N, C-alpha and C. Protein backbone atom coordinates (compact mmCIF):
# COMPACT_ATOMS: atom_id res chain seq x y z
N MET A 1 7.90 25.11 14.03
CA MET A 1 8.62 25.04 12.96
C MET A 1 9.70 23.80 13.09
N CYS A 2 10.12 23.42 14.10
CA CYS A 2 11.01 22.18 14.25
C CYS A 2 10.01 21.01 14.10
N ARG A 3 8.92 20.92 14.38
CA ARG A 3 7.71 19.82 13.81
C ARG A 3 7.64 19.72 12.63
N GLU A 4 7.60 20.87 11.86
CA GLU A 4 7.36 20.91 10.50
C GLU A 4 8.63 20.31 9.76
N ILE A 5 9.76 20.74 10.08
CA ILE A 5 10.96 20.23 9.54
C ILE A 5 11.08 18.63 9.67
N ILE A 6 10.79 18.10 10.93
CA ILE A 6 10.78 16.85 11.34
C ILE A 6 9.87 16.04 10.34
N ASN A 7 8.72 16.62 10.14
CA ASN A 7 7.60 15.97 9.23
C ASN A 7 8.09 15.95 7.76
N ARG A 8 8.81 16.92 7.37
CA ARG A 8 9.35 17.00 5.95
C ARG A 8 10.45 15.87 5.75
N LEU A 9 11.20 15.95 6.74
CA LEU A 9 12.30 15.05 6.88
C LEU A 9 11.71 13.42 6.70
N TYR A 10 10.73 13.15 7.66
CA TYR A 10 10.00 11.85 7.59
C TYR A 10 9.60 11.49 6.14
N ARG A 11 8.81 12.69 5.56
CA ARG A 11 8.25 12.52 4.01
C ARG A 11 9.42 12.25 3.19
N VAL A 12 10.79 12.63 3.12
CA VAL A 12 11.66 12.42 2.31
C VAL A 12 12.41 11.15 2.53
N LEU A 13 12.51 10.86 3.86
CA LEU A 13 12.80 9.35 3.99
C LEU A 13 11.89 8.10 3.63
N ALA A 14 10.68 8.47 3.95
CA ALA A 14 9.64 7.46 3.26
C ALA A 14 9.71 7.31 1.82
N LEU A 15 9.75 8.52 1.19
CA LEU A 15 9.90 8.18 -0.50
C LEU A 15 11.30 7.82 -0.89
N ALA A 16 12.30 8.09 -0.04
CA ALA A 16 13.47 7.33 -0.43
C ALA A 16 13.53 5.80 -0.15
N LEU A 17 12.97 5.44 0.71
CA LEU A 17 12.74 4.04 1.07
C LEU A 17 12.02 3.45 -0.07
N VAL A 18 10.94 4.01 -0.32
CA VAL A 18 10.24 3.46 -1.54
C VAL A 18 10.96 3.53 -2.75
N SER A 19 11.74 4.28 -2.99
CA SER A 19 12.56 4.17 -4.26
C SER A 19 13.61 3.19 -4.29
N VAL A 20 14.14 2.60 -2.93
CA VAL A 20 14.98 1.55 -3.04
C VAL A 20 14.04 0.19 -3.06
N ILE A 21 12.88 -0.06 -2.29
CA ILE A 21 12.27 -1.11 -2.28
C ILE A 21 11.69 -1.42 -3.70
N ILE A 22 11.47 -0.42 -4.84
CA ILE A 22 11.05 -0.80 -6.05
C ILE A 22 11.86 -1.74 -6.78
N PRO A 23 13.04 -1.32 -7.06
CA PRO A 23 13.94 -2.33 -7.66
C PRO A 23 14.03 -3.82 -7.09
N TRP A 24 13.98 -3.89 -5.72
CA TRP A 24 14.04 -5.26 -5.12
C TRP A 24 12.72 -5.89 -5.75
N THR A 25 11.54 -5.37 -5.66
CA THR A 25 10.33 -5.88 -6.09
C THR A 25 10.44 -6.30 -7.56
N ALA A 26 11.17 -5.45 -8.40
CA ALA A 26 11.13 -5.74 -9.78
C ALA A 26 11.94 -6.96 -9.93
N LEU A 27 13.13 -7.31 -9.16
CA LEU A 27 13.79 -8.45 -9.30
C LEU A 27 12.96 -9.73 -8.84
N ALA A 28 12.23 -9.47 -7.76
CA ALA A 28 11.35 -10.56 -7.19
C ALA A 28 10.28 -10.84 -8.33
N GLN A 29 9.79 -9.90 -9.26
CA GLN A 29 8.92 -10.09 -10.12
C GLN A 29 9.26 -10.94 -11.21
N SER A 30 10.72 -10.84 -11.39
CA SER A 30 11.30 -11.65 -12.63
C SER A 30 11.50 -13.13 -12.53
N ILE A 31 11.14 -13.64 -11.01
CA ILE A 31 11.38 -14.77 -10.71
C ILE A 31 9.74 -15.40 -10.81
N ASP A 32 9.21 -16.41 -11.61
CA ASP A 32 8.20 -16.87 -11.80
C ASP A 32 7.70 -17.71 -10.87
N LEU A 33 7.17 -17.43 -9.59
CA LEU A 33 6.76 -18.32 -8.45
C LEU A 33 5.59 -18.94 -8.67
N GLU A 34 4.61 -18.94 -9.75
CA GLU A 34 3.60 -19.73 -10.10
C GLU A 34 3.47 -20.08 -11.55
N PRO A 35 4.34 -20.83 -11.77
CA PRO A 35 4.46 -21.12 -13.53
C PRO A 35 3.39 -21.97 -13.84
N ASN A 36 2.85 -21.70 -15.05
CA ASN A 36 1.71 -22.34 -15.76
C ASN A 36 0.51 -22.76 -14.99
N LEU A 37 0.17 -21.76 -14.27
CA LEU A 37 -0.97 -22.11 -13.30
C LEU A 37 -2.20 -21.51 -14.19
N ALA A 38 -3.30 -22.30 -14.76
CA ALA A 38 -4.04 -21.73 -15.66
C ALA A 38 -4.93 -20.80 -14.77
N SER A 39 -5.17 -21.08 -13.50
CA SER A 39 -6.17 -20.39 -12.73
C SER A 39 -5.64 -19.05 -12.12
N ALA A 40 -4.30 -18.76 -12.16
CA ALA A 40 -3.58 -17.70 -11.75
C ALA A 40 -4.19 -16.33 -12.30
N PRO A 41 -4.71 -15.55 -11.57
CA PRO A 41 -5.27 -14.23 -12.15
C PRO A 41 -4.15 -13.50 -12.90
N LYS A 42 -4.51 -12.58 -13.82
CA LYS A 42 -3.57 -11.86 -14.50
C LYS A 42 -3.20 -10.50 -13.58
N LEU A 43 -2.05 -10.25 -13.25
CA LEU A 43 -1.41 -9.21 -12.53
C LEU A 43 -1.48 -7.96 -13.56
N LEU A 44 -2.36 -6.87 -13.18
CA LEU A 44 -2.25 -5.78 -14.02
C LEU A 44 -1.40 -4.53 -13.36
N ALA A 45 -1.23 -4.39 -12.14
CA ALA A 45 -0.32 -3.27 -11.58
C ALA A 45 0.00 -3.73 -10.19
N ILE A 46 1.34 -3.11 -9.85
CA ILE A 46 1.67 -3.22 -8.54
C ILE A 46 1.67 -1.61 -7.84
N GLN A 47 1.01 -1.32 -6.69
CA GLN A 47 1.08 -0.17 -6.22
C GLN A 47 2.16 -0.21 -4.92
N GLN A 48 3.00 0.57 -4.75
CA GLN A 48 3.74 0.59 -3.56
C GLN A 48 3.93 2.04 -3.11
N ASP A 49 3.62 2.27 -1.81
CA ASP A 49 3.79 3.73 -1.37
C ASP A 49 4.16 3.54 0.20
N ALA A 50 4.07 4.91 0.67
CA ALA A 50 4.57 5.02 2.11
C ALA A 50 3.49 5.90 2.74
N VAL A 51 3.31 5.55 3.88
CA VAL A 51 2.24 6.38 4.89
C VAL A 51 2.99 7.61 5.18
N THR A 52 2.38 8.87 4.72
CA THR A 52 2.93 9.82 5.12
C THR A 52 2.16 10.55 6.38
N GLN A 53 1.07 10.33 6.45
CA GLN A 53 0.15 10.77 7.56
C GLN A 53 -0.74 9.67 8.18
N PHE A 54 -1.05 9.53 9.46
CA PHE A 54 -1.98 8.42 9.91
C PHE A 54 -2.59 9.21 11.30
N LEU A 55 -3.53 9.51 11.22
CA LEU A 55 -4.22 10.15 12.31
C LEU A 55 -4.87 9.21 13.36
N ALA A 56 -5.14 9.34 14.42
CA ALA A 56 -5.90 8.71 15.43
C ALA A 56 -7.33 8.32 15.18
N THR A 57 -7.86 9.19 14.13
CA THR A 57 -9.13 8.92 13.65
C THR A 57 -9.42 7.77 12.61
N GLY A 58 -8.10 7.21 12.30
CA GLY A 58 -7.88 6.05 11.16
C GLY A 58 -7.90 6.55 9.77
N GLU A 59 -7.88 7.64 9.75
CA GLU A 59 -7.57 8.43 8.16
C GLU A 59 -6.27 8.77 8.07
N GLY A 60 -5.72 8.64 6.55
CA GLY A 60 -4.16 9.05 6.49
C GLY A 60 -3.98 9.25 5.06
N VAL A 61 -2.83 9.45 4.81
CA VAL A 61 -2.47 9.57 3.41
C VAL A 61 -1.22 8.59 3.03
N ARG A 62 -1.40 7.95 1.83
CA ARG A 62 -0.14 7.23 1.25
C ARG A 62 0.13 7.86 -0.08
N VAL A 63 1.55 7.90 -0.39
CA VAL A 63 2.08 8.44 -1.56
C VAL A 63 3.23 7.70 -2.11
N GLY A 64 3.20 7.37 -3.38
CA GLY A 64 4.02 6.27 -4.05
C GLY A 64 3.77 6.14 -5.34
N THR A 65 4.10 5.08 -6.06
CA THR A 65 3.98 4.48 -7.45
C THR A 65 3.18 3.47 -7.63
N MET A 66 2.55 3.27 -9.06
CA MET A 66 1.99 2.14 -9.55
C MET A 66 2.58 1.80 -10.82
N ARG A 67 2.77 0.53 -11.05
CA ARG A 67 3.60 0.36 -12.39
C ARG A 67 2.82 -0.92 -12.89
N GLY A 68 2.85 -1.22 -14.12
CA GLY A 68 2.14 -2.40 -14.70
C GLY A 68 1.42 -1.66 -16.10
N THR A 69 0.31 -2.31 -16.19
CA THR A 69 -0.76 -1.73 -17.27
C THR A 69 -1.12 -0.33 -16.66
N PHE A 70 -1.19 -0.11 -15.51
CA PHE A 70 -1.46 1.30 -15.11
C PHE A 70 0.01 1.96 -14.38
N SER A 71 0.45 2.83 -14.90
CA SER A 71 1.78 3.37 -14.23
C SER A 71 1.57 4.62 -14.14
N GLY A 72 2.29 5.16 -13.01
CA GLY A 72 2.63 6.41 -12.55
C GLY A 72 2.58 6.72 -11.00
N VAL A 73 2.35 7.97 -10.78
CA VAL A 73 2.41 8.22 -9.23
C VAL A 73 1.00 8.41 -8.56
N VAL A 74 1.10 7.72 -7.34
CA VAL A 74 -0.30 7.60 -6.66
C VAL A 74 -0.19 8.49 -5.44
N THR A 75 -1.49 9.02 -5.20
CA THR A 75 -1.60 9.57 -3.77
C THR A 75 -3.12 8.91 -3.41
N GLN A 76 -3.03 8.53 -2.21
CA GLN A 76 -4.24 7.66 -1.60
C GLN A 76 -4.51 8.17 -0.22
N ASN A 77 -5.81 8.51 -0.15
CA ASN A 77 -6.45 9.09 1.24
C ASN A 77 -7.30 7.96 1.63
N PHE A 78 -6.79 7.16 2.83
CA PHE A 78 -7.31 6.19 3.37
C PHE A 78 -8.15 6.31 4.75
N GLN A 79 -9.08 5.65 4.79
CA GLN A 79 -10.15 5.79 6.17
C GLN A 79 -10.28 4.41 6.59
N PHE A 80 -9.89 4.05 7.84
CA PHE A 80 -10.24 2.78 8.43
C PHE A 80 -11.73 3.09 9.03
N LEU A 81 -12.57 1.86 8.78
CA LEU A 81 -14.04 1.90 9.39
C LEU A 81 -13.93 1.05 10.56
N ALA A 82 -14.91 1.36 11.29
CA ALA A 82 -14.99 0.70 12.83
C ALA A 82 -15.52 -0.96 12.56
N VAL A 83 -14.74 -1.76 12.85
CA VAL A 83 -14.94 -3.23 12.89
C VAL A 83 -14.18 -3.82 14.15
N PRO A 84 -14.73 -4.84 14.64
CA PRO A 84 -14.06 -5.37 15.93
C PRO A 84 -12.65 -6.02 15.52
N PRO A 85 -11.43 -5.94 16.22
CA PRO A 85 -10.18 -6.43 15.90
C PRO A 85 -10.36 -7.90 15.94
N PRO A 86 -9.61 -8.59 15.38
CA PRO A 86 -8.26 -8.35 14.49
C PRO A 86 -8.59 -8.02 13.12
N ASP A 87 -10.14 -7.92 12.72
CA ASP A 87 -10.22 -7.54 11.49
C ASP A 87 -10.16 -6.08 11.11
N PHE A 88 -10.20 -5.63 9.93
CA PHE A 88 -10.19 -4.44 9.83
C PHE A 88 -10.94 -4.12 8.31
N LYS A 89 -11.35 -2.98 8.16
CA LYS A 89 -11.95 -2.49 6.85
C LYS A 89 -11.36 -1.05 6.53
N ALA A 90 -11.34 -0.72 5.31
CA ALA A 90 -10.96 0.66 4.74
C ALA A 90 -11.74 0.98 3.53
N ASP A 91 -12.01 2.28 3.48
CA ASP A 91 -12.77 2.91 2.21
C ASP A 91 -11.64 4.20 1.69
N ASP A 92 -11.12 3.73 0.63
CA ASP A 92 -10.03 4.73 0.28
C ASP A 92 -10.38 5.31 -1.22
N LEU A 93 -9.65 6.33 -1.32
CA LEU A 93 -9.50 7.08 -2.69
C LEU A 93 -8.08 7.16 -3.25
N ILE A 94 -7.76 6.56 -4.44
CA ILE A 94 -6.62 6.45 -4.96
C ILE A 94 -6.55 7.44 -6.39
N LEU A 95 -5.61 8.46 -6.46
CA LEU A 95 -5.62 9.04 -7.74
C LEU A 95 -4.17 8.69 -8.20
N LEU A 96 -4.23 8.08 -9.45
CA LEU A 96 -2.86 7.85 -10.14
C LEU A 96 -2.82 8.77 -11.45
N VAL A 97 -1.74 9.19 -11.54
CA VAL A 97 -1.43 10.24 -12.70
C VAL A 97 -0.30 9.47 -13.63
N ASP A 98 -0.36 9.41 -14.82
CA ASP A 98 0.74 8.90 -15.37
C ASP A 98 1.55 9.97 -16.07
N ASN A 99 2.53 9.41 -16.90
CA ASN A 99 3.66 10.33 -17.44
C ASN A 99 3.03 11.22 -18.63
N ASP A 100 1.92 10.80 -19.09
CA ASP A 100 1.15 11.80 -20.06
C ASP A 100 0.17 12.76 -19.38
N GLY A 101 0.04 12.84 -18.13
CA GLY A 101 -0.85 13.69 -17.52
C GLY A 101 -2.31 13.05 -17.37
N ASP A 102 -2.49 11.82 -17.78
CA ASP A 102 -3.83 11.07 -17.72
C ASP A 102 -3.97 10.67 -16.53
N GLN A 103 -5.22 10.76 -15.89
CA GLN A 103 -5.58 10.35 -14.46
C GLN A 103 -6.57 9.34 -14.41
N MET A 104 -6.57 8.74 -13.39
CA MET A 104 -7.69 7.64 -12.86
C MET A 104 -7.77 7.77 -11.45
N LEU A 105 -9.13 7.72 -11.06
CA LEU A 105 -9.55 7.93 -9.73
C LEU A 105 -10.14 6.58 -9.31
N PHE A 106 -9.55 5.86 -8.34
CA PHE A 106 -10.30 4.55 -7.72
C PHE A 106 -10.96 4.88 -6.55
N ARG A 107 -11.80 4.07 -6.29
CA ARG A 107 -12.43 3.81 -4.88
C ARG A 107 -11.96 2.45 -4.47
N ALA A 108 -11.29 2.35 -3.32
CA ALA A 108 -10.71 1.02 -2.97
C ALA A 108 -11.51 0.61 -1.64
N GLN A 109 -12.20 -0.57 -1.72
CA GLN A 109 -12.75 -1.08 -0.72
C GLN A 109 -12.16 -2.24 -0.08
N VAL A 110 -11.51 -2.23 0.99
CA VAL A 110 -10.74 -3.50 1.43
C VAL A 110 -11.05 -4.06 2.76
N THR A 111 -10.81 -5.20 2.89
CA THR A 111 -11.07 -6.00 4.17
C THR A 111 -9.84 -6.58 4.64
N GLY A 112 -9.45 -6.75 5.83
CA GLY A 112 -8.27 -7.50 6.09
C GLY A 112 -8.29 -7.91 7.54
N ARG A 113 -6.92 -8.32 7.93
CA ARG A 113 -6.92 -8.68 9.50
C ARG A 113 -5.51 -8.21 9.87
N PHE A 114 -5.65 -7.79 11.13
CA PHE A 114 -4.23 -7.34 11.73
C PHE A 114 -3.51 -8.76 12.20
N LEU A 115 -2.06 -8.72 12.08
CA LEU A 115 -1.43 -9.60 12.41
C LEU A 115 -0.72 -9.70 13.75
N SER A 116 -0.36 -10.64 14.33
CA SER A 116 0.65 -10.54 15.50
C SER A 116 2.00 -10.83 14.98
N PHE A 117 2.80 -9.86 15.16
CA PHE A 117 4.21 -9.69 14.35
C PHE A 117 5.04 -10.37 15.17
N LEU A 118 6.15 -11.05 14.64
CA LEU A 118 7.30 -11.68 15.47
C LEU A 118 8.04 -10.55 15.87
N THR A 119 8.85 -11.01 17.09
CA THR A 119 9.62 -9.84 17.78
C THR A 119 11.06 -10.49 17.83
N GLY A 120 12.18 -9.66 18.24
CA GLY A 120 13.42 -10.10 18.50
C GLY A 120 13.48 -10.93 19.75
N PRO A 121 14.73 -11.66 19.82
CA PRO A 121 14.90 -12.58 21.01
C PRO A 121 14.83 -11.82 22.33
N THR A 122 14.38 -12.50 23.35
CA THR A 122 14.36 -12.09 24.96
C THR A 122 15.45 -12.92 25.51
N PRO A 123 16.32 -12.23 26.45
CA PRO A 123 16.51 -10.87 26.34
C PRO A 123 17.29 -10.57 25.27
N ASP A 124 17.09 -9.20 24.82
CA ASP A 124 17.85 -8.74 23.63
C ASP A 124 19.40 -9.00 23.63
N PRO A 125 20.05 -9.37 22.60
CA PRO A 125 21.57 -9.49 22.98
C PRO A 125 22.23 -8.38 23.10
N ALA A 126 21.73 -7.05 22.79
CA ALA A 126 22.30 -5.84 23.06
C ALA A 126 21.82 -5.11 24.32
N GLY A 127 20.86 -5.91 24.95
CA GLY A 127 20.14 -5.25 26.14
C GLY A 127 19.45 -4.06 25.84
N ASN A 128 19.02 -4.03 24.65
CA ASN A 128 17.99 -2.92 24.38
C ASN A 128 16.72 -3.49 24.37
N PRO A 129 15.82 -3.24 25.35
CA PRO A 129 14.30 -3.76 25.52
C PRO A 129 13.44 -3.20 24.15
N ASN A 130 13.99 -1.88 23.67
CA ASN A 130 12.97 -1.38 22.70
C ASN A 130 13.43 -1.83 21.37
N ARG A 131 14.25 -2.71 21.17
CA ARG A 131 14.70 -3.04 19.74
C ARG A 131 13.98 -4.28 19.46
N LYS A 132 13.29 -5.13 20.18
CA LYS A 132 12.71 -6.26 19.96
C LYS A 132 11.56 -6.11 19.02
N LYS A 133 10.67 -5.11 19.14
CA LYS A 133 9.41 -5.04 18.32
C LYS A 133 9.74 -4.12 17.12
N LEU A 134 9.41 -4.79 16.05
CA LEU A 134 9.88 -4.18 14.82
C LEU A 134 8.79 -3.44 14.08
N VAL A 135 7.53 -4.07 14.15
CA VAL A 135 6.30 -3.56 13.41
C VAL A 135 5.29 -3.31 14.58
N GLU A 136 4.58 -2.24 14.57
CA GLU A 136 3.42 -1.94 15.43
C GLU A 136 2.19 -2.49 15.05
N PHE A 137 1.78 -2.42 13.97
CA PHE A 137 0.73 -3.07 13.41
C PHE A 137 0.42 -3.19 11.95
N GLY A 138 -0.25 -3.99 11.21
CA GLY A 138 -0.53 -4.14 10.07
C GLY A 138 -1.03 -5.62 9.65
N GLY A 139 -1.39 -5.66 8.35
CA GLY A 139 -1.63 -6.84 7.95
C GLY A 139 -2.15 -7.02 6.44
N PRO A 140 -2.43 -8.32 6.08
CA PRO A 140 -2.91 -8.49 4.45
C PRO A 140 -4.31 -8.01 4.39
N PHE A 141 -4.84 -7.75 3.34
CA PHE A 141 -5.86 -7.33 2.81
C PHE A 141 -6.45 -7.88 1.62
N THR A 142 -7.65 -7.80 1.18
CA THR A 142 -8.14 -8.15 -0.05
C THR A 142 -9.52 -7.12 -0.38
N GLY A 143 -9.79 -6.79 -1.52
CA GLY A 143 -10.78 -6.01 -2.03
C GLY A 143 -10.88 -5.70 -3.32
N ILE A 144 -11.57 -4.47 -3.61
CA ILE A 144 -11.85 -4.10 -5.06
C ILE A 144 -11.30 -2.56 -5.28
N TYR A 145 -10.70 -2.42 -6.38
CA TYR A 145 -10.44 -1.00 -6.96
C TYR A 145 -11.49 -0.97 -7.91
N GLU A 146 -12.27 -0.01 -7.75
CA GLU A 146 -13.38 0.66 -8.80
C GLU A 146 -12.88 1.98 -9.43
N VAL A 147 -12.87 1.77 -10.59
CA VAL A 147 -12.45 3.19 -11.35
C VAL A 147 -13.70 4.25 -11.32
N ILE A 148 -13.68 5.29 -10.72
CA ILE A 148 -14.80 5.95 -10.75
C ILE A 148 -14.68 7.31 -11.48
N GLN A 149 -13.50 7.86 -12.03
CA GLN A 149 -13.36 8.78 -12.85
C GLN A 149 -12.00 8.62 -13.67
N GLY A 150 -11.87 9.06 -15.10
CA GLY A 150 -10.73 8.66 -15.73
C GLY A 150 -10.61 9.68 -16.84
N THR A 151 -9.34 10.11 -17.19
CA THR A 151 -9.09 11.22 -18.12
C THR A 151 -8.27 10.56 -19.25
N GLY A 152 -8.26 11.08 -20.40
CA GLY A 152 -7.37 10.55 -21.68
C GLY A 152 -7.69 9.17 -21.79
N LYS A 153 -6.51 8.32 -21.79
CA LYS A 153 -6.81 6.83 -22.34
C LYS A 153 -7.25 6.13 -21.20
N PHE A 154 -7.65 6.58 -19.86
CA PHE A 154 -8.18 6.06 -18.66
C PHE A 154 -9.74 6.15 -18.78
N GLN A 155 -10.25 6.92 -19.72
CA GLN A 155 -11.95 7.00 -19.64
C GLN A 155 -12.52 5.83 -20.02
N GLY A 156 -11.99 4.88 -20.67
CA GLY A 156 -12.71 3.71 -21.01
C GLY A 156 -12.71 2.69 -19.79
N TYR A 157 -12.03 2.97 -18.68
CA TYR A 157 -12.00 2.11 -17.55
C TYR A 157 -13.14 2.45 -16.39
N ILE A 158 -13.71 3.64 -16.74
CA ILE A 158 -14.63 4.13 -15.84
C ILE A 158 -15.68 2.70 -15.60
N GLY A 159 -15.84 2.70 -14.18
CA GLY A 159 -17.03 1.64 -14.06
C GLY A 159 -16.43 0.30 -13.50
N ARG A 160 -15.17 -0.19 -14.30
CA ARG A 160 -14.59 -1.25 -13.97
C ARG A 160 -13.97 -1.51 -12.60
N LYS A 161 -14.21 -2.82 -12.26
CA LYS A 161 -13.97 -3.07 -10.85
C LYS A 161 -12.76 -4.26 -11.02
N PHE A 162 -11.48 -3.94 -10.31
CA PHE A 162 -10.42 -4.90 -10.24
C PHE A 162 -10.05 -5.37 -8.97
N PRO A 163 -10.06 -6.69 -8.80
CA PRO A 163 -9.78 -7.34 -7.17
C PRO A 163 -8.28 -6.89 -7.03
N CYS A 164 -8.12 -6.87 -5.63
CA CYS A 164 -6.91 -6.58 -5.36
C CYS A 164 -6.46 -7.43 -3.94
N LYS A 165 -5.06 -7.64 -3.72
CA LYS A 165 -4.78 -8.04 -2.48
C LYS A 165 -3.48 -7.31 -2.01
N GLY A 166 -3.20 -7.25 -0.84
CA GLY A 166 -2.27 -6.46 -0.41
C GLY A 166 -1.58 -6.70 0.97
N LEU A 167 -0.62 -5.93 1.42
CA LEU A 167 -0.31 -5.53 2.87
C LEU A 167 0.10 -4.38 3.11
N GLY A 168 -0.32 -3.81 4.36
CA GLY A 168 0.32 -2.45 4.92
C GLY A 168 0.87 -2.88 6.34
N ILE A 169 1.90 -2.01 6.70
CA ILE A 169 2.50 -2.20 7.99
C ILE A 169 2.98 -0.79 8.43
N THR A 170 3.05 -0.54 9.61
CA THR A 170 3.61 0.65 10.19
C THR A 170 4.76 0.10 11.25
N PRO A 171 5.97 0.83 11.23
CA PRO A 171 7.03 0.34 12.33
C PRO A 171 6.65 0.86 13.63
N ALA A 172 7.23 -0.13 14.55
CA ALA A 172 6.91 0.21 15.90
C ALA A 172 7.60 1.71 16.43
N LYS A 173 8.73 1.95 15.92
CA LYS A 173 9.37 2.86 16.47
C LYS A 173 8.76 4.28 15.94
N ASN A 174 8.18 4.33 14.71
CA ASN A 174 7.49 5.60 14.18
C ASN A 174 6.28 5.18 13.42
N GLN A 175 5.34 5.18 14.18
CA GLN A 175 4.13 4.88 13.45
C GLN A 175 3.23 6.05 12.78
N ALA A 176 3.97 7.03 12.57
CA ALA A 176 3.64 8.26 11.64
C ALA A 176 3.90 7.66 10.21
N ILE A 177 5.00 6.81 10.06
CA ILE A 177 4.96 6.31 8.62
C ILE A 177 4.98 4.95 8.33
N GLY A 178 4.57 4.43 7.38
CA GLY A 178 4.45 2.88 7.16
C GLY A 178 4.54 2.60 5.62
N PHE A 179 4.17 1.29 5.15
CA PHE A 179 4.30 1.08 3.99
C PHE A 179 3.39 0.18 3.45
N GLY A 180 2.96 0.42 2.12
CA GLY A 180 1.92 -0.59 1.40
C GLY A 180 2.45 -1.22 0.13
N TYR A 181 1.79 -2.35 -0.11
CA TYR A 181 2.18 -3.14 -1.05
C TYR A 181 0.78 -3.75 -1.64
N THR A 182 0.42 -3.22 -2.87
CA THR A 182 -1.06 -3.73 -3.36
C THR A 182 -0.74 -4.25 -4.74
N GLU A 183 -1.26 -5.42 -5.03
CA GLU A 183 -1.38 -6.13 -6.25
C GLU A 183 -2.78 -5.81 -6.90
N ILE A 184 -2.76 -5.38 -7.99
CA ILE A 184 -4.23 -5.13 -8.72
C ILE A 184 -4.31 -6.00 -9.91
N TYR A 185 -5.56 -6.87 -9.90
CA TYR A 185 -5.65 -7.90 -11.02
C TYR A 185 -6.60 -7.49 -12.02
N ASP A 186 -6.63 -8.23 -13.05
CA ASP A 186 -7.67 -8.07 -14.18
C ASP A 186 -8.94 -8.36 -13.73
N ASP A 187 -9.89 -7.63 -14.19
CA ASP A 187 -11.25 -7.53 -13.44
C ASP A 187 -11.65 -9.18 -14.22
N LYS A 188 -11.41 -9.77 -14.98
CA LYS A 188 -11.99 -10.69 -15.49
C LYS A 188 -11.47 -12.15 -14.48
N SER A 189 -10.56 -11.75 -13.57
CA SER A 189 -10.00 -12.77 -12.62
C SER A 189 -11.06 -12.87 -11.62
N GLN A 190 -12.04 -12.27 -11.46
CA GLN A 190 -13.09 -12.31 -10.23
C GLN A 190 -13.89 -13.69 -10.55
């Protein structure tokens, strides 16, 4: 019972953190970092989510939001595939549900690499050796979001493949939660 309460608290905390991160990202979006680049791909949507479950088998669940041309809430079941480190591959299913109740199911296949993250100073100014490490693991990835099912306004997207790039991390102090940020681009950007 206590573990169930703790797991619920983690989920609430993760969703609260996602709701704080989204406005910050909106501010960053308003700053044009790549002005007038003819070759820049058209950004269709941004997916931001929190890891709510991550099993030792490499499978887990992420929940959050997607906004842009495709907007709504997302639930993602992810599965890491066996490849030699520092590389990684994943094969995921992502369900987007918008405010009208229309749904789009993506299959995302991504490849990436795990990073060696920066750590705090040695010795730690506060004398706490556990404070130095902030991130346990994670890294950038690229791949394809393929629409495999759709309802309502999303039916016309079935079969389309959208390039993506993103980043996922898990904190060192609680690897059961983590965060993902994915940019999804127009399929004509390939």
